Amino acid sequence: MSRKKAFDRDTVLEKAMHLFWQKGYEATSIEDLVQGMGINRGSLYDTFGDKHRLFLDAIAHYDHTVVSHAIAQLEAPHAGKQAIVDYFQNLIACAADGQRRGCLLTNVAVECCPHDSEAVHRVTANLKRTETAFRTALTTAQANGDLSPHQDVNALARFLTANLQGIRVMSNVNSDRQALQDMVDITLSVLHR
């Protein structure tokens, strides 16, 4: 008869997510995880398999919690140009908090994607979701007359997604609010009618 776990899986996964987000995959040791999650090694391995599987689960948890919350405004019915502007302004507020940890998925793309095909799959799926959300909001903006009908919403969605990632990387280096605002202002200038 198997024993019931003395911890909540989502709670310890949240803790692992924050450790990977703060330190990165390579710099996060099993001991860091055991201490940070508040579970023993056996429970970590029994529940998550190994460090890499835990890492992939933490990425999925980040996508379902942090990203889903952040992108909800873009995925909302009738989201348009203002939702895009608000999204980037929220990005500045989060990036200027002084923690310099950026976005977990962006960090994973930089650190792991050159050699980890499973991480590539997770990051690619998230980037496609973000691009689709931008495309939908841009299409609504065009329908509302807030964006020129001559603008290519597919190209704009890719551009916004790429700049979003660039701003996230830059925020790890320079979290100065005005510098981030300058980047966002130039990015959003493509939305002018």
N, C-alpha and C. Protein backbone atom coordinates (compact mmCIF):
# COMPACT_ATOMS: atom_id res chain seq x y z
N MET A 1 0.84 -1.16 0.00
CA MET A 1 0.00 0.00 0.00
C MET A 1 0.89 1.24 0.00
N SER A 2 0.67 2.14 -0.96
CA SER A 2 1.51 3.33 -1.05
C SER A 2 1.07 4.38 -0.04
N ARG A 3 2.07 5.14 0.43
CA ARG A 3 1.79 6.19 1.40
C ARG A 3 1.28 7.43 0.69
N LYS A 4 0.40 8.14 1.38
CA LYS A 4 -0.09 9.41 0.86
C LYS A 4 1.00 10.46 1.03
N LYS A 5 1.19 11.27 0.01
CA LYS A 5 2.20 12.32 0.07
C LYS A 5 1.84 13.34 1.14
N ALA A 6 2.86 13.82 1.85
CA ALA A 6 2.65 14.77 2.94
C ALA A 6 2.78 16.21 2.44
N PHE A 7 2.72 16.39 1.13
CA PHE A 7 2.83 17.74 0.57
C PHE A 7 1.91 17.85 -0.64
N ASP A 8 1.59 19.08 -0.98
CA ASP A 8 0.77 19.35 -2.15
C ASP A 8 1.69 19.51 -3.36
N ARG A 9 1.45 18.74 -4.41
CA ARG A 9 2.31 18.75 -5.59
C ARG A 9 2.42 20.14 -6.20
N ASP A 10 1.31 20.83 -6.35
CA ASP A 10 1.34 22.16 -6.97
C ASP A 10 2.10 23.17 -6.12
N THR A 11 2.02 23.04 -4.81
CA THR A 11 2.73 23.96 -3.93
C THR A 11 4.24 23.79 -4.07
N VAL A 12 4.71 22.55 -4.07
CA VAL A 12 6.16 22.33 -4.20
C VAL A 12 6.62 22.62 -5.63
N LEU A 13 5.75 22.39 -6.61
CA LEU A 13 6.09 22.72 -8.00
C LEU A 13 6.24 24.23 -8.16
N GLU A 14 5.40 24.99 -7.50
CA GLU A 14 5.50 26.46 -7.51
C GLU A 14 6.85 26.89 -6.95
N LYS A 15 7.29 26.25 -5.87
CA LYS A 15 8.58 26.57 -5.27
C LYS A 15 9.73 26.23 -6.22
N ALA A 16 9.63 25.08 -6.88
CA ALA A 16 10.67 24.69 -7.84
C ALA A 16 10.70 25.68 -9.01
N MET A 17 9.53 26.09 -9.48
CA MET A 17 9.43 27.04 -10.56
C MET A 17 10.20 28.32 -10.21
N HIS A 18 9.99 28.83 -9.00
CA HIS A 18 10.67 30.06 -8.59
C HIS A 18 12.18 29.87 -8.48
N LEU A 19 12.62 28.69 -8.05
CA LEU A 19 14.06 28.43 -7.99
C LEU A 19 14.68 28.42 -9.39
N PHE A 20 14.04 27.72 -10.32
CA PHE A 20 14.55 27.69 -11.70
C PHE A 20 14.50 29.08 -12.33
N TRP A 21 13.46 29.82 -12.03
CA TRP A 21 13.29 31.17 -12.55
C TRP A 21 14.40 32.09 -12.05
N GLN A 22 14.73 31.95 -10.79
CA GLN A 22 15.74 32.80 -10.18
C GLN A 22 17.16 32.40 -10.58
N LYS A 23 17.45 31.10 -10.59
CA LYS A 23 18.83 30.64 -10.76
C LYS A 23 19.14 30.05 -12.13
N GLY A 24 18.11 29.62 -12.86
CA GLY A 24 18.35 28.92 -14.12
C GLY A 24 18.42 27.42 -13.87
N TYR A 25 18.39 26.65 -14.94
CA TYR A 25 18.39 25.20 -14.82
C TYR A 25 19.73 24.67 -14.29
N GLU A 26 20.81 25.03 -14.96
CA GLU A 26 22.12 24.48 -14.60
C GLU A 26 22.55 24.86 -13.19
N ALA A 27 22.29 26.09 -12.78
CA ALA A 27 22.76 26.57 -11.47
C ALA A 27 21.90 26.08 -10.31
N THR A 28 20.75 25.51 -10.61
CA THR A 28 19.87 24.99 -9.55
C THR A 28 20.24 23.53 -9.28
N SER A 29 20.75 23.27 -8.11
CA SER A 29 21.16 21.91 -7.76
C SER A 29 20.00 21.13 -7.15
N ILE A 30 20.16 19.84 -7.08
CA ILE A 30 19.16 19.00 -6.40
C ILE A 30 19.02 19.44 -4.95
N GLU A 31 20.14 19.77 -4.32
CA GLU A 31 20.08 20.23 -2.93
C GLU A 31 19.28 21.53 -2.82
N ASP A 32 19.48 22.46 -3.76
CA ASP A 32 18.68 23.69 -3.80
C ASP A 32 17.19 23.35 -3.86
N LEU A 33 16.87 22.40 -4.72
CA LEU A 33 15.47 22.02 -4.91
C LEU A 33 14.89 21.37 -3.65
N VAL A 34 15.63 20.45 -3.07
CA VAL A 34 15.17 19.77 -1.85
C VAL A 34 14.93 20.80 -0.74
N GLN A 35 15.89 21.69 -0.55
CA GLN A 35 15.75 22.72 0.48
C GLN A 35 14.62 23.69 0.15
N GLY A 36 14.59 24.17 -1.07
CA GLY A 36 13.61 25.17 -1.46
C GLY A 36 12.18 24.65 -1.52
N MET A 37 12.03 23.38 -1.90
CA MET A 37 10.70 22.79 -2.01
C MET A 37 10.22 22.24 -0.67
N GLY A 38 11.16 22.02 0.25
CA GLY A 38 10.80 21.49 1.55
C GLY A 38 10.41 20.02 1.53
N ILE A 39 11.01 19.26 0.60
CA ILE A 39 10.74 17.82 0.53
C ILE A 39 12.08 17.09 0.49
N ASN A 40 12.06 15.78 0.72
CA ASN A 40 13.31 15.03 0.68
C ASN A 40 13.58 14.54 -0.75
N ARG A 41 14.79 14.08 -0.97
CA ARG A 41 15.20 13.62 -2.30
C ARG A 41 14.30 12.51 -2.83
N GLY A 42 13.97 11.59 -1.96
CA GLY A 42 13.13 10.47 -2.39
C GLY A 42 11.78 10.95 -2.89
N SER A 43 11.20 11.90 -2.19
CA SER A 43 9.90 12.45 -2.63
C SER A 43 10.03 13.20 -3.94
N LEU A 44 11.14 13.91 -4.10
CA LEU A 44 11.36 14.64 -5.35
C LEU A 44 11.41 13.64 -6.51
N TYR A 45 12.22 12.60 -6.37
CA TYR A 45 12.36 11.61 -7.44
C TYR A 45 11.08 10.80 -7.64
N ASP A 46 10.41 10.42 -6.55
CA ASP A 46 9.16 9.66 -6.66
C ASP A 46 8.07 10.46 -7.36
N THR A 47 8.00 11.76 -7.07
CA THR A 47 6.94 12.60 -7.59
C THR A 47 7.24 13.13 -8.99
N PHE A 48 8.49 13.53 -9.23
CA PHE A 48 8.82 14.21 -10.49
C PHE A 48 9.76 13.44 -11.40
N GLY A 49 10.34 12.36 -10.94
CA GLY A 49 11.24 11.57 -11.78
C GLY A 49 12.68 11.97 -11.62
N ASP A 50 13.05 13.11 -12.17
CA ASP A 50 14.41 13.61 -12.06
C ASP A 50 14.39 15.13 -12.20
N LYS A 51 15.55 15.74 -12.11
CA LYS A 51 15.63 17.20 -12.17
C LYS A 51 15.08 17.74 -13.48
N HIS A 52 15.41 17.09 -14.59
CA HIS A 52 14.96 17.58 -15.89
C HIS A 52 13.44 17.49 -16.03
N ARG A 53 12.86 16.40 -15.57
CA ARG A 53 11.40 16.25 -15.63
C ARG A 53 10.74 17.29 -14.73
N LEU A 54 11.30 17.52 -13.55
CA LEU A 54 10.80 18.57 -12.65
C LEU A 54 10.89 19.93 -13.34
N PHE A 55 11.98 20.18 -14.02
CA PHE A 55 12.17 21.43 -14.75
C PHE A 55 11.08 21.61 -15.81
N LEU A 56 10.82 20.58 -16.58
CA LEU A 56 9.77 20.66 -17.61
C LEU A 56 8.39 20.86 -16.98
N ASP A 57 8.15 20.20 -15.84
CA ASP A 57 6.89 20.41 -15.12
C ASP A 57 6.79 21.84 -14.60
N ALA A 58 7.92 22.40 -14.15
CA ALA A 58 7.94 23.78 -13.66
C ALA A 58 7.66 24.76 -14.80
N ILE A 59 8.19 24.47 -16.00
CA ILE A 59 7.91 25.31 -17.17
C ILE A 59 6.41 25.26 -17.48
N ALA A 60 5.83 24.07 -17.47
CA ALA A 60 4.39 23.94 -17.74
C ALA A 60 3.58 24.66 -16.68
N HIS A 61 4.01 24.56 -15.43
CA HIS A 61 3.31 25.26 -14.34
C HIS A 61 3.38 26.77 -14.56
N TYR A 62 4.52 27.28 -14.96
CA TYR A 62 4.70 28.70 -15.25
C TYR A 62 3.75 29.13 -16.36
N ASP A 63 3.68 28.33 -17.40
CA ASP A 63 2.80 28.65 -18.53
C ASP A 63 1.34 28.68 -18.09
N HIS A 64 0.93 27.73 -17.25
CA HIS A 64 -0.47 27.65 -16.82
C HIS A 64 -0.85 28.70 -15.79
N THR A 65 0.13 29.22 -15.08
CA THR A 65 -0.17 30.19 -14.03
C THR A 65 0.25 31.60 -14.44
N VAL A 66 1.52 31.85 -14.50
CA VAL A 66 2.04 33.19 -14.77
C VAL A 66 1.67 33.67 -16.17
N VAL A 67 1.98 32.87 -17.18
CA VAL A 67 1.72 33.29 -18.56
C VAL A 67 0.22 33.40 -18.82
N SER A 68 -0.55 32.43 -18.39
CA SER A 68 -1.99 32.47 -18.62
C SER A 68 -2.61 33.72 -18.02
N HIS A 69 -2.15 34.10 -16.83
CA HIS A 69 -2.66 35.31 -16.19
C HIS A 69 -2.26 36.55 -17.00
N ALA A 70 -1.00 36.62 -17.41
CA ALA A 70 -0.49 37.80 -18.12
C ALA A 70 -1.13 37.96 -19.49
N ILE A 71 -1.36 36.86 -20.17
CA ILE A 71 -1.84 36.93 -21.55
C ILE A 71 -3.37 36.97 -21.65
N ALA A 72 -4.03 36.79 -20.53
CA ALA A 72 -5.50 36.76 -20.53
C ALA A 72 -6.10 38.01 -21.15
N GLN A 73 -5.48 39.17 -20.90
CA GLN A 73 -6.02 40.40 -21.46
C GLN A 73 -5.95 40.42 -22.98
N LEU A 74 -4.96 39.76 -23.56
CA LEU A 74 -4.86 39.68 -25.02
C LEU A 74 -5.82 38.64 -25.59
N GLU A 75 -6.10 37.62 -24.82
CA GLU A 75 -6.98 36.55 -25.29
C GLU A 75 -8.46 36.82 -25.01
N ALA A 76 -8.72 37.90 -24.29
CA ALA A 76 -10.11 38.23 -23.95
C ALA A 76 -10.91 38.57 -25.21
N PRO A 77 -12.21 38.25 -25.22
CA PRO A 77 -13.04 38.63 -26.36
C PRO A 77 -12.99 40.14 -26.55
N HIS A 78 -12.90 40.56 -27.76
CA HIS A 78 -12.89 41.98 -28.13
C HIS A 78 -11.64 42.72 -27.69
N ALA A 79 -10.57 42.00 -27.29
CA ALA A 79 -9.30 42.66 -26.97
C ALA A 79 -8.77 43.28 -28.26
N GLY A 80 -8.30 44.49 -28.17
CA GLY A 80 -7.79 45.19 -29.34
C GLY A 80 -6.49 45.90 -29.03
N LYS A 81 -6.32 47.06 -29.65
CA LYS A 81 -5.08 47.83 -29.52
C LYS A 81 -4.76 48.17 -28.07
N GLN A 82 -5.75 48.59 -27.30
CA GLN A 82 -5.49 48.98 -25.91
C GLN A 82 -5.00 47.79 -25.08
N ALA A 83 -5.47 46.61 -25.37
CA ALA A 83 -5.00 45.42 -24.65
C ALA A 83 -3.51 45.19 -24.91
N ILE A 84 -3.07 45.46 -26.12
CA ILE A 84 -1.65 45.31 -26.46
C ILE A 84 -0.83 46.36 -25.70
N VAL A 85 -1.30 47.60 -25.73
CA VAL A 85 -0.61 48.68 -25.00
C VAL A 85 -0.54 48.33 -23.51
N ASP A 86 -1.65 47.91 -22.94
CA ASP A 86 -1.69 47.55 -21.52
C ASP A 86 -0.75 46.38 -21.21
N TYR A 87 -0.69 45.42 -22.10
CA TYR A 87 0.19 44.26 -21.90
C TYR A 87 1.64 44.72 -21.77
N PHE A 88 2.08 45.59 -22.67
CA PHE A 88 3.46 46.07 -22.62
C PHE A 88 3.70 46.97 -21.41
N GLN A 89 2.72 47.74 -21.01
CA GLN A 89 2.88 48.57 -19.81
C GLN A 89 3.00 47.69 -18.56
N ASN A 90 2.24 46.61 -18.52
CA ASN A 90 2.36 45.65 -17.41
C ASN A 90 3.74 44.99 -17.41
N LEU A 91 4.25 44.75 -18.60
CA LEU A 91 5.59 44.17 -18.73
C LEU A 91 6.62 45.08 -18.06
N ILE A 92 6.51 46.38 -18.31
CA ILE A 92 7.43 47.34 -17.69
C ILE A 92 7.30 47.30 -16.17
N ALA A 93 6.09 47.31 -15.69
CA ALA A 93 5.87 47.30 -14.23
C ALA A 93 6.50 46.06 -13.60
N CYS A 94 6.34 44.92 -14.23
CA CYS A 94 6.92 43.68 -13.70
C CYS A 94 8.44 43.68 -13.81
N ALA A 95 8.95 44.16 -14.94
CA ALA A 95 10.40 44.15 -15.18
C ALA A 95 11.14 45.15 -14.31
N ALA A 96 10.46 46.23 -13.93
CA ALA A 96 11.12 47.29 -13.15
C ALA A 96 11.03 47.03 -11.65
N ASP A 97 10.66 45.81 -11.26
CA ASP A 97 10.53 45.51 -9.83
C ASP A 97 11.87 45.30 -9.14
N GLY A 98 12.96 45.31 -9.90
CA GLY A 98 14.30 45.20 -9.31
C GLY A 98 14.80 43.78 -9.11
N GLN A 99 13.97 42.78 -9.40
CA GLN A 99 14.39 41.40 -9.17
C GLN A 99 15.27 40.85 -10.29
N ARG A 100 15.19 41.44 -11.45
CA ARG A 100 16.01 41.06 -12.61
C ARG A 100 15.97 39.56 -12.89
N ARG A 101 14.79 39.02 -12.93
CA ARG A 101 14.70 37.60 -13.28
C ARG A 101 14.03 37.39 -14.62
N GLY A 102 13.47 38.45 -15.21
CA GLY A 102 12.88 38.34 -16.53
C GLY A 102 11.72 37.36 -16.56
N CYS A 103 11.59 36.70 -17.67
CA CYS A 103 10.54 35.71 -17.90
C CYS A 103 11.19 34.32 -17.88
N LEU A 104 10.61 33.41 -17.15
CA LEU A 104 11.19 32.06 -17.08
C LEU A 104 11.34 31.45 -18.47
N LEU A 105 10.31 31.58 -19.31
CA LEU A 105 10.38 30.96 -20.64
C LEU A 105 11.45 31.60 -21.51
N THR A 106 11.61 32.90 -21.40
CA THR A 106 12.67 33.58 -22.15
C THR A 106 14.03 33.13 -21.64
N ASN A 107 14.17 33.01 -20.33
CA ASN A 107 15.42 32.53 -19.74
C ASN A 107 15.73 31.11 -20.21
N VAL A 108 14.70 30.28 -20.27
CA VAL A 108 14.88 28.90 -20.75
C VAL A 108 15.32 28.90 -22.21
N ALA A 109 14.70 29.78 -23.02
CA ALA A 109 15.07 29.86 -24.44
C ALA A 109 16.55 30.18 -24.60
N VAL A 110 17.03 31.10 -23.79
CA VAL A 110 18.44 31.51 -23.88
C VAL A 110 19.37 30.43 -23.33
N GLU A 111 19.02 29.86 -22.17
CA GLU A 111 19.91 28.91 -21.51
C GLU A 111 19.86 27.51 -22.10
N CYS A 112 18.67 27.01 -22.37
CA CYS A 112 18.51 25.58 -22.63
C CYS A 112 18.18 25.19 -24.08
N CYS A 113 17.51 26.06 -24.79
CA CYS A 113 17.02 25.65 -26.11
C CYS A 113 18.10 25.25 -27.11
N PRO A 114 19.32 25.79 -27.01
CA PRO A 114 20.33 25.33 -27.95
C PRO A 114 20.65 23.83 -27.85
N HIS A 115 20.31 23.18 -26.72
CA HIS A 115 20.69 21.78 -26.54
C HIS A 115 19.60 20.91 -25.90
N ASP A 116 18.39 21.43 -25.74
CA ASP A 116 17.33 20.68 -25.06
C ASP A 116 16.05 20.72 -25.90
N SER A 117 15.81 19.66 -26.64
CA SER A 117 14.67 19.65 -27.57
C SER A 117 13.32 19.72 -26.86
N GLU A 118 13.24 19.17 -25.65
CA GLU A 118 11.98 19.25 -24.91
C GLU A 118 11.70 20.69 -24.46
N ALA A 119 12.75 21.39 -24.06
CA ALA A 119 12.59 22.81 -23.70
C ALA A 119 12.20 23.62 -24.93
N VAL A 120 12.79 23.30 -26.07
CA VAL A 120 12.43 23.98 -27.33
C VAL A 120 10.93 23.82 -27.59
N HIS A 121 10.43 22.62 -27.41
CA HIS A 121 9.01 22.36 -27.65
C HIS A 121 8.13 23.22 -26.73
N ARG A 122 8.48 23.29 -25.45
CA ARG A 122 7.69 24.07 -24.48
C ARG A 122 7.72 25.56 -24.81
N VAL A 123 8.91 26.07 -25.11
CA VAL A 123 9.06 27.50 -25.40
C VAL A 123 8.36 27.84 -26.71
N THR A 124 8.52 27.00 -27.72
CA THR A 124 7.88 27.23 -29.02
C THR A 124 6.36 27.30 -28.88
N ALA A 125 5.80 26.39 -28.11
CA ALA A 125 4.34 26.39 -27.91
C ALA A 125 3.90 27.69 -27.25
N ASN A 126 4.67 28.18 -26.28
CA ASN A 126 4.32 29.43 -25.61
C ASN A 126 4.43 30.61 -26.56
N LEU A 127 5.49 30.66 -27.35
CA LEU A 127 5.67 31.77 -28.29
C LEU A 127 4.56 31.78 -29.34
N LYS A 128 4.14 30.60 -29.79
CA LYS A 128 3.02 30.54 -30.74
C LYS A 128 1.73 31.04 -30.10
N ARG A 129 1.51 30.68 -28.86
CA ARG A 129 0.32 31.15 -28.15
C ARG A 129 0.34 32.67 -28.02
N THR A 130 1.49 33.23 -27.67
CA THR A 130 1.63 34.68 -27.54
C THR A 130 1.41 35.36 -28.88
N GLU A 131 2.03 34.84 -29.91
CA GLU A 131 1.86 35.41 -31.26
C GLU A 131 0.40 35.36 -31.69
N THR A 132 -0.26 34.26 -31.43
CA THR A 132 -1.68 34.14 -31.78
C THR A 132 -2.52 35.15 -31.02
N ALA A 133 -2.21 35.36 -29.75
CA ALA A 133 -2.96 36.33 -28.95
C ALA A 133 -2.76 37.74 -29.51
N PHE A 134 -1.53 38.08 -29.86
CA PHE A 134 -1.28 39.38 -30.48
C PHE A 134 -2.04 39.50 -31.81
N ARG A 135 -1.98 38.46 -32.63
CA ARG A 135 -2.66 38.48 -33.93
C ARG A 135 -4.16 38.71 -33.77
N THR A 136 -4.75 38.04 -32.81
CA THR A 136 -6.19 38.19 -32.57
C THR A 136 -6.52 39.62 -32.14
N ALA A 137 -5.72 40.17 -31.23
CA ALA A 137 -5.96 41.55 -30.77
C ALA A 137 -5.73 42.54 -31.91
N LEU A 138 -4.73 42.29 -32.75
CA LEU A 138 -4.47 43.17 -33.90
C LEU A 138 -5.61 43.12 -34.91
N THR A 139 -6.14 41.93 -35.13
CA THR A 139 -7.27 41.78 -36.05
C THR A 139 -8.48 42.55 -35.53
N THR A 140 -8.71 42.46 -34.24
CA THR A 140 -9.81 43.23 -33.63
C THR A 140 -9.55 44.72 -33.75
N ALA A 141 -8.30 45.15 -33.54
CA ALA A 141 -7.96 46.56 -33.68
C ALA A 141 -8.23 47.06 -35.10
N GLN A 142 -7.91 46.22 -36.09
CA GLN A 142 -8.22 46.60 -37.48
C GLN A 142 -9.72 46.71 -37.69
N ALA A 143 -10.47 45.74 -37.18
CA ALA A 143 -11.93 45.76 -37.34
C ALA A 143 -12.56 46.97 -36.66
N ASN A 144 -11.94 47.44 -35.57
CA ASN A 144 -12.45 48.61 -34.85
C ASN A 144 -11.98 49.93 -35.44
N GLY A 145 -11.11 49.86 -36.44
CA GLY A 145 -10.57 51.07 -37.04
C GLY A 145 -9.42 51.68 -36.26
N ASP A 146 -8.86 50.95 -35.29
CA ASP A 146 -7.75 51.45 -34.48
C ASP A 146 -6.39 51.13 -35.08
N LEU A 147 -6.38 50.38 -36.16
CA LEU A 147 -5.15 49.98 -36.83
C LEU A 147 -5.42 50.00 -38.33
N SER A 148 -4.48 50.51 -39.08
CA SER A 148 -4.65 50.61 -40.53
C SER A 148 -4.99 49.24 -41.13
N PRO A 149 -5.93 49.22 -42.06
CA PRO A 149 -6.27 47.96 -42.72
C PRO A 149 -5.14 47.45 -43.61
N HIS A 150 -4.15 48.29 -43.86
CA HIS A 150 -3.02 47.90 -44.71
C HIS A 150 -1.90 47.23 -43.92
N GLN A 151 -2.00 47.26 -42.59
CA GLN A 151 -0.99 46.61 -41.76
C GLN A 151 -1.13 45.09 -41.87
N ASP A 152 -0.02 44.39 -41.92
CA ASP A 152 0.02 42.93 -41.97
C ASP A 152 -0.01 42.41 -40.53
N VAL A 153 -1.16 41.93 -40.08
CA VAL A 153 -1.29 41.51 -38.67
C VAL A 153 -0.41 40.31 -38.34
N ASN A 154 -0.13 39.45 -39.32
CA ASN A 154 0.77 38.32 -39.06
C ASN A 154 2.19 38.81 -38.78
N ALA A 155 2.67 39.72 -39.61
CA ALA A 155 4.02 40.26 -39.41
C ALA A 155 4.08 41.07 -38.11
N LEU A 156 3.05 41.86 -37.83
CA LEU A 156 3.02 42.64 -36.60
C LEU A 156 3.02 41.74 -35.37
N ALA A 157 2.27 40.66 -35.40
CA ALA A 157 2.21 39.73 -34.27
C ALA A 157 3.58 39.12 -34.01
N ARG A 158 4.29 38.77 -35.09
CA ARG A 158 5.64 38.22 -34.93
C ARG A 158 6.58 39.29 -34.38
N PHE A 159 6.46 40.50 -34.89
CA PHE A 159 7.29 41.62 -34.43
C PHE A 159 7.07 41.89 -32.95
N LEU A 160 5.83 41.96 -32.53
CA LEU A 160 5.53 42.21 -31.11
C LEU A 160 6.05 41.09 -30.23
N THR A 161 5.91 39.84 -30.68
CA THR A 161 6.40 38.70 -29.91
C THR A 161 7.92 38.75 -29.78
N ALA A 162 8.60 39.05 -30.87
CA ALA A 162 10.07 39.13 -30.84
C ALA A 162 10.53 40.27 -29.94
N ASN A 163 9.89 41.44 -30.05
CA ASN A 163 10.29 42.56 -29.21
C ASN A 163 9.98 42.30 -27.74
N LEU A 164 8.88 41.64 -27.48
CA LEU A 164 8.54 41.26 -26.11
C LEU A 164 9.67 40.44 -25.51
N GLN A 165 10.17 39.47 -26.26
CA GLN A 165 11.26 38.62 -25.77
C GLN A 165 12.53 39.44 -25.57
N GLY A 166 12.82 40.33 -26.51
CA GLY A 166 14.00 41.17 -26.38
C GLY A 166 13.94 42.08 -25.16
N ILE A 167 12.78 42.66 -24.92
CA ILE A 167 12.62 43.52 -23.74
C ILE A 167 12.78 42.71 -22.46
N ARG A 168 12.27 41.49 -22.47
CA ARG A 168 12.44 40.63 -21.29
C ARG A 168 13.91 40.32 -21.03
N VAL A 169 14.66 40.04 -22.08
CA VAL A 169 16.09 39.77 -21.91
C VAL A 169 16.79 41.03 -21.41
N MET A 170 16.49 42.16 -22.01
CA MET A 170 17.12 43.42 -21.61
C MET A 170 16.79 43.78 -20.16
N SER A 171 15.59 43.43 -19.71
CA SER A 171 15.20 43.76 -18.33
C SER A 171 16.03 42.99 -17.31
N ASN A 172 16.63 41.88 -17.72
CA ASN A 172 17.54 41.15 -16.83
C ASN A 172 18.83 41.93 -16.60
N VAL A 173 19.19 42.75 -17.57
CA VAL A 173 20.42 43.52 -17.50
C VAL A 173 20.17 44.93 -16.96
N ASN A 174 19.09 45.55 -17.44
CA ASN A 174 18.79 46.93 -17.09
C ASN A 174 17.31 47.06 -16.79
N SER A 175 16.98 47.16 -15.51
CA SER A 175 15.58 47.26 -15.14
C SER A 175 15.13 48.71 -14.93
N ASP A 176 15.90 49.65 -15.50
CA ASP A 176 15.53 51.05 -15.42
C ASP A 176 14.21 51.29 -16.15
N ARG A 177 13.25 51.83 -15.42
CA ARG A 177 11.90 52.01 -15.96
C ARG A 177 11.89 52.86 -17.24
N GLN A 178 12.67 53.94 -17.27
CA GLN A 178 12.66 54.80 -18.46
C GLN A 178 13.26 54.09 -19.67
N ALA A 179 14.33 53.34 -19.46
CA ALA A 179 14.93 52.58 -20.57
C ALA A 179 13.93 51.57 -21.12
N LEU A 180 13.22 50.88 -20.24
CA LEU A 180 12.21 49.92 -20.68
C LEU A 180 11.06 50.63 -21.39
N GLN A 181 10.65 51.78 -20.86
CA GLN A 181 9.57 52.54 -21.49
C GLN A 181 9.97 52.98 -22.90
N ASP A 182 11.22 53.39 -23.07
CA ASP A 182 11.70 53.78 -24.40
C ASP A 182 11.57 52.62 -25.38
N MET A 183 11.98 51.42 -24.94
CA MET A 183 11.89 50.24 -25.80
C MET A 183 10.44 49.93 -26.16
N VAL A 184 9.57 50.02 -25.17
CA VAL A 184 8.14 49.74 -25.40
C VAL A 184 7.54 50.79 -26.33
N ASP A 185 7.89 52.06 -26.13
CA ASP A 185 7.35 53.12 -26.98
C ASP A 185 7.70 52.89 -28.45
N ILE A 186 8.94 52.55 -28.71
CA ILE A 186 9.35 52.29 -30.09
C ILE A 186 8.63 51.06 -30.63
N THR A 187 8.53 50.03 -29.81
CA THR A 187 7.82 48.82 -30.23
C THR A 187 6.37 49.13 -30.61
N LEU A 188 5.69 49.88 -29.75
CA LEU A 188 4.28 50.17 -29.99
C LEU A 188 4.05 51.21 -31.07
N SER A 189 5.11 51.90 -31.50
CA SER A 189 4.94 52.91 -32.55
C SER A 189 4.45 52.29 -33.86
N VAL A 190 4.62 50.99 -34.04
CA VAL A 190 4.12 50.35 -35.26
C VAL A 190 2.60 50.26 -35.28
N LEU A 191 1.98 50.51 -34.13
CA LEU A 191 0.52 50.40 -34.06
C LEU A 191 -0.20 51.70 -34.41
N HIS A 192 0.59 52.76 -34.63
CA HIS A 192 -0.07 54.03 -34.95
C HIS A 192 -0.75 53.92 -36.31
N ARG A 193 -1.92 54.44 -36.34
CA ARG A 193 -2.76 54.38 -37.54
C ARG A 193 -2.17 55.16 -38.63
